[in-house]
Amino acid sequence: MPTHSPAEEGQQSTATLPISFDRKFRPWRYAIGHSELKLRSFDSGTECDFIEVTFYGVVGMRLKTVYRPLTIALAEPAETDEMLKFSEVRESQSSRVHCLALKSDSGDGLVACLSYSIWSHPRETDEESSDVPRRESVLILRG
């Protein structure tokens, strides 16, 4: 679970970066046409929900296949410069891009994107159709 209290339905989330989850995550889906990347927790058995991290407007990424645990934080200035250069983001557009570090004992990654959201979804919902949050879903963080 996250290291903060998630927002109750109808309330604004008070979570901020960095945020940590003691679960296994893996890249779940990348939609080239929408430049959208999803990471999803996939611990089996004990968890009654799953966490889905979605990055929108992805302009660059460096990923591992598994993250456990996962901490999402703002990238360090050197990492940000590296990712913006790698992604060929123009200096005039760089202020719109979030450069996020994916930190884990299993290795680190980076994502450069325009926005992101983190949701908790009940496991009993159809996990393939979680693109639209359900009433039982809880917004943990949006940026």
N, C-alpha and C. Protein backbone atom coordinates (compact mmCIF):
# COMPACT_ATOMS: atom_id res chain seq x y z
N MET A 1 0.85 -1.19 0.00
CA MET A 1 0.00 0.00 0.00
C MET A 1 0.88 1.23 0.00
N PRO A 2 0.30 2.37 -0.40
CA PRO A 2 1.08 3.59 -0.40
C PRO A 2 1.46 3.98 1.01
N THR A 3 2.48 4.83 1.11
CA THR A 3 2.94 5.27 2.42
C THR A 3 2.17 6.50 2.89
N HIS A 4 1.01 6.74 2.32
CA HIS A 4 0.15 7.85 2.72
C HIS A 4 -1.28 7.33 2.78
N SER A 5 -2.20 8.15 3.25
CA SER A 5 -3.61 7.77 3.25
C SER A 5 -4.24 8.23 1.95
N PRO A 6 -4.77 7.32 1.12
CA PRO A 6 -5.37 7.74 -0.13
C PRO A 6 -6.61 8.59 0.10
N ALA A 7 -6.93 9.36 -0.90
CA ALA A 7 -8.11 10.23 -0.81
C ALA A 7 -9.37 9.39 -0.79
N GLU A 8 -10.32 9.80 0.00
CA GLU A 8 -11.63 9.16 -0.01
C GLU A 8 -12.36 9.64 -1.26
N GLU A 9 -13.31 8.85 -1.71
CA GLU A 9 -14.07 9.22 -2.90
C GLU A 9 -14.69 10.60 -2.72
N GLY A 10 -14.50 11.43 -3.73
CA GLY A 10 -15.08 12.77 -3.69
C GLY A 10 -14.19 13.80 -3.02
N GLN A 11 -13.07 13.39 -2.45
CA GLN A 11 -12.15 14.33 -1.83
C GLN A 11 -10.90 14.46 -2.68
N GLN A 12 -10.23 15.61 -2.56
CA GLN A 12 -8.99 15.84 -3.27
C GLN A 12 -7.87 15.07 -2.57
N SER A 13 -7.02 14.43 -3.34
CA SER A 13 -5.90 13.70 -2.78
C SER A 13 -4.89 14.68 -2.19
N THR A 14 -4.33 14.32 -1.04
CA THR A 14 -3.31 15.15 -0.42
C THR A 14 -1.92 14.54 -0.60
N ALA A 15 -1.81 13.46 -1.38
CA ALA A 15 -0.53 12.80 -1.61
C ALA A 15 0.36 13.69 -2.47
N THR A 16 1.65 13.55 -2.26
CA THR A 16 2.63 14.29 -3.06
C THR A 16 3.78 13.35 -3.39
N LEU A 17 4.62 13.79 -4.31
CA LEU A 17 5.83 13.06 -4.64
C LEU A 17 6.91 13.41 -3.63
N PRO A 18 7.75 12.50 -3.25
CA PRO A 18 7.78 11.10 -3.68
C PRO A 18 6.69 10.28 -3.01
N ILE A 19 6.31 9.22 -3.70
CA ILE A 19 5.30 8.29 -3.18
C ILE A 19 5.84 6.87 -3.37
N SER A 20 5.61 6.03 -2.38
CA SER A 20 6.17 4.67 -2.41
C SER A 20 5.09 3.62 -2.23
N PHE A 21 5.32 2.48 -2.88
CA PHE A 21 4.42 1.33 -2.78
C PHE A 21 5.27 0.08 -2.56
N ASP A 22 4.92 -0.72 -1.58
CA ASP A 22 5.63 -1.95 -1.32
C ASP A 22 4.93 -3.09 -2.05
N ARG A 23 4.98 -3.02 -3.36
CA ARG A 23 4.36 -4.00 -4.26
C ARG A 23 5.25 -4.16 -5.47
N LYS A 24 5.00 -5.24 -6.22
CA LYS A 24 5.67 -5.42 -7.51
C LYS A 24 4.88 -4.69 -8.57
N PHE A 25 5.59 -3.98 -9.43
CA PHE A 25 4.99 -3.30 -10.58
C PHE A 25 5.72 -3.74 -11.83
N ARG A 26 5.01 -3.69 -12.93
CA ARG A 26 5.63 -3.93 -14.24
C ARG A 26 4.95 -3.03 -15.26
N PRO A 27 5.66 -2.74 -16.35
CA PRO A 27 4.99 -2.04 -17.45
C PRO A 27 3.84 -2.90 -17.94
N TRP A 28 2.67 -2.29 -18.06
CA TRP A 28 1.47 -3.05 -18.40
C TRP A 28 1.06 -2.81 -19.85
N ARG A 29 1.11 -1.55 -20.28
CA ARG A 29 0.66 -1.22 -21.63
C ARG A 29 1.29 0.08 -22.07
N TYR A 30 1.69 0.15 -23.33
CA TYR A 30 2.14 1.40 -23.92
C TYR A 30 1.36 1.60 -25.20
N ALA A 31 0.62 2.69 -25.30
CA ALA A 31 -0.16 3.01 -26.49
C ALA A 31 0.58 4.10 -27.26
N ILE A 32 1.18 3.72 -28.36
CA ILE A 32 1.99 4.66 -29.14
C ILE A 32 1.15 5.83 -29.62
N GLY A 33 -0.03 5.57 -30.14
CA GLY A 33 -0.88 6.63 -30.68
C GLY A 33 -1.26 7.69 -29.67
N HIS A 34 -1.39 7.28 -28.41
CA HIS A 34 -1.77 8.22 -27.35
C HIS A 34 -0.58 8.60 -26.48
N SER A 35 0.60 8.04 -26.77
CA SER A 35 1.80 8.26 -25.95
C SER A 35 1.48 8.05 -24.47
N GLU A 36 0.85 6.93 -24.18
CA GLU A 36 0.38 6.63 -22.82
C GLU A 36 1.03 5.34 -22.33
N LEU A 37 1.64 5.42 -21.15
CA LEU A 37 2.30 4.28 -20.53
C LEU A 37 1.60 3.95 -19.23
N LYS A 38 1.35 2.65 -19.00
CA LYS A 38 0.75 2.20 -17.74
C LYS A 38 1.69 1.23 -17.05
N LEU A 39 1.86 1.44 -15.75
CA LEU A 39 2.51 0.47 -14.87
C LEU A 39 1.42 -0.06 -13.96
N ARG A 40 1.50 -1.34 -13.62
CA ARG A 40 0.46 -1.92 -12.77
C ARG A 40 1.09 -2.85 -11.75
N SER A 41 0.56 -2.80 -10.52
CA SER A 41 1.00 -3.75 -9.50
C SER A 41 0.42 -5.11 -9.85
N PHE A 42 1.18 -6.14 -9.55
CA PHE A 42 0.70 -7.48 -9.90
C PHE A 42 0.99 -8.51 -8.84
N ASP A 43 1.10 -8.09 -7.59
CA ASP A 43 1.26 -9.06 -6.50
C ASP A 43 0.06 -9.99 -6.51
N SER A 44 0.32 -11.24 -6.32
CA SER A 44 -0.78 -12.19 -6.32
C SER A 44 -1.26 -12.46 -4.91
N GLY A 45 -2.51 -12.82 -4.82
CA GLY A 45 -3.05 -13.31 -3.57
C GLY A 45 -3.57 -12.29 -2.60
N THR A 46 -2.72 -11.74 -1.76
CA THR A 46 -3.17 -11.05 -0.56
C THR A 46 -3.81 -9.69 -0.80
N GLU A 47 -3.44 -8.98 -1.83
CA GLU A 47 -3.96 -7.63 -2.04
C GLU A 47 -5.36 -7.68 -2.64
N CYS A 48 -6.26 -6.87 -2.12
CA CYS A 48 -7.63 -6.85 -2.64
C CYS A 48 -7.80 -5.76 -3.68
N ASP A 49 -6.74 -5.01 -3.96
CA ASP A 49 -6.79 -3.98 -4.99
C ASP A 49 -5.49 -4.01 -5.78
N PHE A 50 -5.46 -3.28 -6.89
CA PHE A 50 -4.22 -3.12 -7.62
C PHE A 50 -4.02 -1.64 -7.89
N ILE A 51 -2.78 -1.25 -8.00
CA ILE A 51 -2.41 0.14 -8.23
C ILE A 51 -2.03 0.27 -9.70
N GLU A 52 -2.55 1.32 -10.33
CA GLU A 52 -2.23 1.59 -11.73
C GLU A 52 -1.68 3.00 -11.84
N VAL A 53 -0.48 3.11 -12.39
CA VAL A 53 0.18 4.39 -12.63
C VAL A 53 0.12 4.63 -14.13
N THR A 54 -0.46 5.76 -14.55
CA THR A 54 -0.57 6.08 -15.96
C THR A 54 0.16 7.38 -16.23
N PHE A 55 1.03 7.34 -17.23
CA PHE A 55 1.76 8.52 -17.67
C PHE A 55 1.17 8.93 -19.02
N TYR A 56 0.78 10.19 -19.16
CA TYR A 56 0.16 10.70 -20.37
C TYR A 56 1.14 11.61 -21.11
N GLY A 57 1.06 11.59 -22.43
CA GLY A 57 1.94 12.45 -23.23
C GLY A 57 3.41 12.09 -23.03
N VAL A 58 3.71 10.79 -23.05
CA VAL A 58 5.08 10.32 -22.81
C VAL A 58 5.97 10.73 -23.98
N VAL A 59 7.07 11.41 -23.64
CA VAL A 59 8.03 11.82 -24.67
C VAL A 59 9.34 11.05 -24.57
N GLY A 60 9.55 10.35 -23.48
CA GLY A 60 10.74 9.53 -23.32
C GLY A 60 10.62 8.64 -22.11
N MET A 61 11.30 7.48 -22.16
CA MET A 61 11.26 6.58 -21.02
C MET A 61 12.46 5.65 -21.05
N ARG A 62 12.85 5.23 -19.87
CA ARG A 62 13.87 4.20 -19.68
C ARG A 62 13.31 3.32 -18.57
N LEU A 63 12.98 2.07 -18.92
CA LEU A 63 12.22 1.21 -18.00
C LEU A 63 12.94 -0.08 -17.67
N LYS A 64 12.65 -0.61 -16.49
CA LYS A 64 13.00 -1.96 -16.10
C LYS A 64 11.75 -2.82 -16.31
N THR A 65 11.92 -4.13 -16.28
CA THR A 65 10.75 -5.00 -16.47
C THR A 65 9.95 -5.18 -15.19
N VAL A 66 10.60 -5.02 -14.01
CA VAL A 66 9.91 -5.18 -12.74
C VAL A 66 10.46 -4.16 -11.75
N TYR A 67 9.56 -3.59 -10.95
CA TYR A 67 9.94 -2.69 -9.87
C TYR A 67 9.35 -3.22 -8.56
N ARG A 68 10.21 -3.45 -7.57
CA ARG A 68 9.73 -3.84 -6.23
C ARG A 68 10.75 -3.41 -5.19
N PRO A 69 10.39 -2.62 -4.27
CA PRO A 69 9.21 -1.77 -4.21
C PRO A 69 9.33 -0.67 -5.25
N LEU A 70 8.33 0.17 -5.37
CA LEU A 70 8.37 1.27 -6.33
C LEU A 70 8.22 2.59 -5.61
N THR A 71 9.16 3.51 -5.86
CA THR A 71 9.05 4.88 -5.41
C THR A 71 9.07 5.76 -6.64
N ILE A 72 8.08 6.65 -6.75
CA ILE A 72 8.02 7.61 -7.85
C ILE A 72 8.36 8.96 -7.26
N ALA A 73 9.37 9.61 -7.85
CA ALA A 73 9.85 10.90 -7.35
C ALA A 73 10.19 11.79 -8.53
N LEU A 74 10.34 13.07 -8.26
CA LEU A 74 10.86 13.97 -9.29
C LEU A 74 12.30 13.56 -9.57
N ALA A 75 12.66 13.53 -10.84
CA ALA A 75 14.02 13.16 -11.22
C ALA A 75 15.00 14.24 -10.75
N GLU A 76 16.22 13.82 -10.48
CA GLU A 76 17.29 14.76 -10.13
C GLU A 76 17.58 15.65 -11.34
N PRO A 77 18.12 16.86 -11.13
CA PRO A 77 18.40 17.77 -12.26
C PRO A 77 19.23 17.13 -13.38
N ALA A 78 20.25 16.35 -13.05
CA ALA A 78 21.07 15.72 -14.09
C ALA A 78 20.25 14.70 -14.88
N GLU A 79 19.39 13.93 -14.19
CA GLU A 79 18.53 12.95 -14.87
C GLU A 79 17.52 13.67 -15.77
N THR A 80 16.98 14.78 -15.27
CA THR A 80 16.03 15.56 -16.07
C THR A 80 16.70 16.08 -17.33
N ASP A 81 17.88 16.66 -17.20
CA ASP A 81 18.61 17.17 -18.38
C ASP A 81 18.88 16.05 -19.37
N GLU A 82 19.32 14.89 -18.86
CA GLU A 82 19.59 13.73 -19.71
C GLU A 82 18.33 13.29 -20.46
N MET A 83 17.21 13.18 -19.75
CA MET A 83 15.97 12.70 -20.36
C MET A 83 15.43 13.70 -21.38
N LEU A 84 15.48 14.98 -21.07
CA LEU A 84 14.99 16.00 -22.01
C LEU A 84 15.85 16.02 -23.28
N LYS A 85 17.15 15.87 -23.12
CA LYS A 85 18.04 15.83 -24.28
C LYS A 85 17.77 14.57 -25.09
N PHE A 86 17.69 13.42 -24.42
CA PHE A 86 17.42 12.15 -25.09
C PHE A 86 16.09 12.21 -25.86
N SER A 87 15.09 12.84 -25.25
CA SER A 87 13.75 12.90 -25.84
C SER A 87 13.61 14.01 -26.88
N GLU A 88 14.66 14.81 -27.05
CA GLU A 88 14.67 15.92 -28.00
C GLU A 88 13.54 16.91 -27.74
N VAL A 89 13.31 17.20 -26.45
CA VAL A 89 12.32 18.19 -26.06
C VAL A 89 12.96 19.56 -26.21
N ARG A 90 12.28 20.44 -26.94
CA ARG A 90 12.80 21.80 -27.13
C ARG A 90 12.81 22.54 -25.79
N GLU A 91 13.78 23.39 -25.61
CA GLU A 91 13.90 24.14 -24.36
C GLU A 91 12.63 24.93 -24.07
N SER A 92 11.99 25.45 -25.10
CA SER A 92 10.77 26.24 -24.90
C SER A 92 9.61 25.38 -24.38
N GLN A 93 9.69 24.06 -24.55
CA GLN A 93 8.63 23.15 -24.09
C GLN A 93 8.99 22.41 -22.80
N SER A 94 10.23 22.52 -22.36
CA SER A 94 10.70 21.69 -21.24
C SER A 94 9.97 21.97 -19.93
N SER A 95 9.44 23.16 -19.74
CA SER A 95 8.74 23.47 -18.48
C SER A 95 7.42 22.71 -18.37
N ARG A 96 6.89 22.21 -19.46
CA ARG A 96 5.63 21.46 -19.44
C ARG A 96 5.82 19.98 -19.13
N VAL A 97 7.08 19.51 -19.17
CA VAL A 97 7.36 18.09 -19.05
C VAL A 97 7.72 17.73 -17.62
N HIS A 98 7.08 16.67 -17.11
CA HIS A 98 7.42 16.10 -15.80
C HIS A 98 8.46 15.01 -16.05
N CYS A 99 9.61 15.11 -15.42
CA CYS A 99 10.60 14.04 -15.48
C CYS A 99 10.56 13.32 -14.14
N LEU A 100 10.13 12.06 -14.19
CA LEU A 100 9.89 11.29 -12.98
C LEU A 100 10.85 10.12 -12.89
N ALA A 101 11.42 9.92 -11.71
CA ALA A 101 12.31 8.80 -11.46
C ALA A 101 11.48 7.66 -10.87
N LEU A 102 11.69 6.47 -11.39
CA LEU A 102 11.08 5.25 -10.89
C LEU A 102 12.19 4.52 -10.15
N LYS A 103 12.15 4.54 -8.82
CA LYS A 103 13.23 3.98 -8.02
C LYS A 103 12.80 2.67 -7.39
N SER A 104 13.74 1.71 -7.40
CA SER A 104 13.41 0.38 -6.89
C SER A 104 14.68 -0.37 -6.55
N ASP A 105 14.54 -1.35 -5.66
CA ASP A 105 15.66 -2.24 -5.36
C ASP A 105 16.05 -3.06 -6.59
N SER A 106 15.10 -3.26 -7.51
CA SER A 106 15.35 -4.06 -8.71
C SER A 106 15.91 -3.23 -9.87
N GLY A 107 16.15 -1.93 -9.67
CA GLY A 107 16.69 -1.06 -10.71
C GLY A 107 15.83 0.17 -10.87
N ASP A 108 16.40 1.20 -11.44
CA ASP A 108 15.72 2.48 -11.59
C ASP A 108 15.33 2.73 -13.04
N GLY A 109 14.36 3.63 -13.22
CA GLY A 109 13.92 4.03 -14.54
C GLY A 109 13.58 5.51 -14.53
N LEU A 110 13.25 6.02 -15.69
CA LEU A 110 12.85 7.42 -15.85
C LEU A 110 11.71 7.50 -16.85
N VAL A 111 10.80 8.44 -16.62
CA VAL A 111 9.72 8.72 -17.56
C VAL A 111 9.59 10.22 -17.69
N ALA A 112 9.54 10.70 -18.92
CA ALA A 112 9.28 12.11 -19.20
C ALA A 112 7.90 12.18 -19.83
N CYS A 113 6.99 12.93 -19.20
CA CYS A 113 5.60 12.95 -19.65
C CYS A 113 4.97 14.31 -19.37
N LEU A 114 3.78 14.52 -19.92
CA LEU A 114 3.07 15.78 -19.69
C LEU A 114 2.22 15.74 -18.42
N SER A 115 1.72 14.56 -18.05
CA SER A 115 0.94 14.42 -16.82
C SER A 115 0.91 12.95 -16.41
N TYR A 116 0.38 12.70 -15.23
CA TYR A 116 0.32 11.33 -14.72
C TYR A 116 -0.81 11.22 -13.70
N SER A 117 -1.24 9.99 -13.46
CA SER A 117 -2.22 9.72 -12.41
C SER A 117 -1.90 8.37 -11.80
N ILE A 118 -2.28 8.24 -10.53
CA ILE A 118 -2.10 6.98 -9.81
C ILE A 118 -3.44 6.64 -9.17
N TRP A 119 -3.98 5.47 -9.50
CA TRP A 119 -5.28 5.02 -9.02
C TRP A 119 -5.15 3.68 -8.31
N SER A 120 -6.01 3.46 -7.36
CA SER A 120 -6.21 2.14 -6.76
C SER A 120 -7.55 1.63 -7.27
N HIS A 121 -7.54 0.42 -7.85
CA HIS A 121 -8.76 -0.19 -8.39
C HIS A 121 -9.05 -1.48 -7.64
N PRO A 122 -10.31 -1.75 -7.36
CA PRO A 122 -10.66 -3.04 -6.75
C PRO A 122 -10.30 -4.18 -7.70
N ARG A 123 -9.75 -5.24 -7.18
CA ARG A 123 -9.32 -6.34 -8.03
C ARG A 123 -10.50 -7.06 -8.68
N GLU A 124 -11.68 -6.99 -8.08
CA GLU A 124 -12.82 -7.71 -8.66
C GLU A 124 -13.34 -7.06 -9.94
N THR A 125 -12.92 -5.82 -10.24
CA THR A 125 -13.33 -5.23 -11.52
C THR A 125 -12.53 -5.88 -12.63
N ASP A 126 -13.00 -5.73 -13.83
CA ASP A 126 -12.31 -6.25 -15.00
C ASP A 126 -11.02 -5.45 -15.16
N GLU A 127 -9.90 -6.06 -14.84
CA GLU A 127 -8.63 -5.35 -14.84
C GLU A 127 -8.26 -4.83 -16.23
N GLU A 128 -8.75 -5.44 -17.28
CA GLU A 128 -8.44 -4.97 -18.62
C GLU A 128 -9.19 -3.68 -18.96
N SER A 129 -10.30 -3.41 -18.30
CA SER A 129 -11.10 -2.24 -18.66
C SER A 129 -10.99 -1.13 -17.62
N SER A 130 -9.88 -1.07 -16.92
CA SER A 130 -9.73 -0.05 -15.87
C SER A 130 -9.36 1.31 -16.44
N ASP A 131 -9.37 1.48 -17.76
CA ASP A 131 -9.05 2.77 -18.36
C ASP A 131 -9.99 3.86 -17.86
N VAL A 132 -11.21 3.49 -17.53
CA VAL A 132 -12.16 4.43 -16.96
C VAL A 132 -12.36 4.04 -15.50
N PRO A 133 -11.91 4.90 -14.57
CA PRO A 133 -12.05 4.54 -13.16
C PRO A 133 -13.50 4.27 -12.77
N ARG A 134 -13.70 3.29 -11.95
CA ARG A 134 -15.03 2.93 -11.45
C ARG A 134 -15.31 3.69 -10.17
N ARG A 135 -16.54 3.65 -9.73
CA ARG A 135 -16.91 4.36 -8.51
C ARG A 135 -16.08 3.90 -7.32
N GLU A 136 -15.71 2.62 -7.29
CA GLU A 136 -14.93 2.07 -6.18
C GLU A 136 -13.45 2.42 -6.28
N SER A 137 -13.00 2.93 -7.43
CA SER A 137 -11.60 3.30 -7.61
C SER A 137 -11.29 4.55 -6.81
N VAL A 138 -10.02 4.64 -6.35
CA VAL A 138 -9.60 5.77 -5.53
C VAL A 138 -8.41 6.45 -6.21
N LEU A 139 -8.54 7.75 -6.42
CA LEU A 139 -7.43 8.54 -6.96
C LEU A 139 -6.42 8.75 -5.83
N ILE A 140 -5.19 8.34 -6.06
CA ILE A 140 -4.13 8.51 -5.07
C ILE A 140 -3.35 9.79 -5.33
N LEU A 141 -3.02 10.04 -6.59
CA LEU A 141 -2.22 11.22 -6.93
C LEU A 141 -2.38 11.55 -8.40
N ARG A 142 -2.37 12.83 -8.71
CA ARG A 142 -2.44 13.30 -10.10
C ARG A 142 -1.47 14.47 -10.23
N GLY A 143 -0.77 14.50 -11.34
CA GLY A 143 0.16 15.61 -11.57
C GLY A 143 0.32 15.92 -13.03
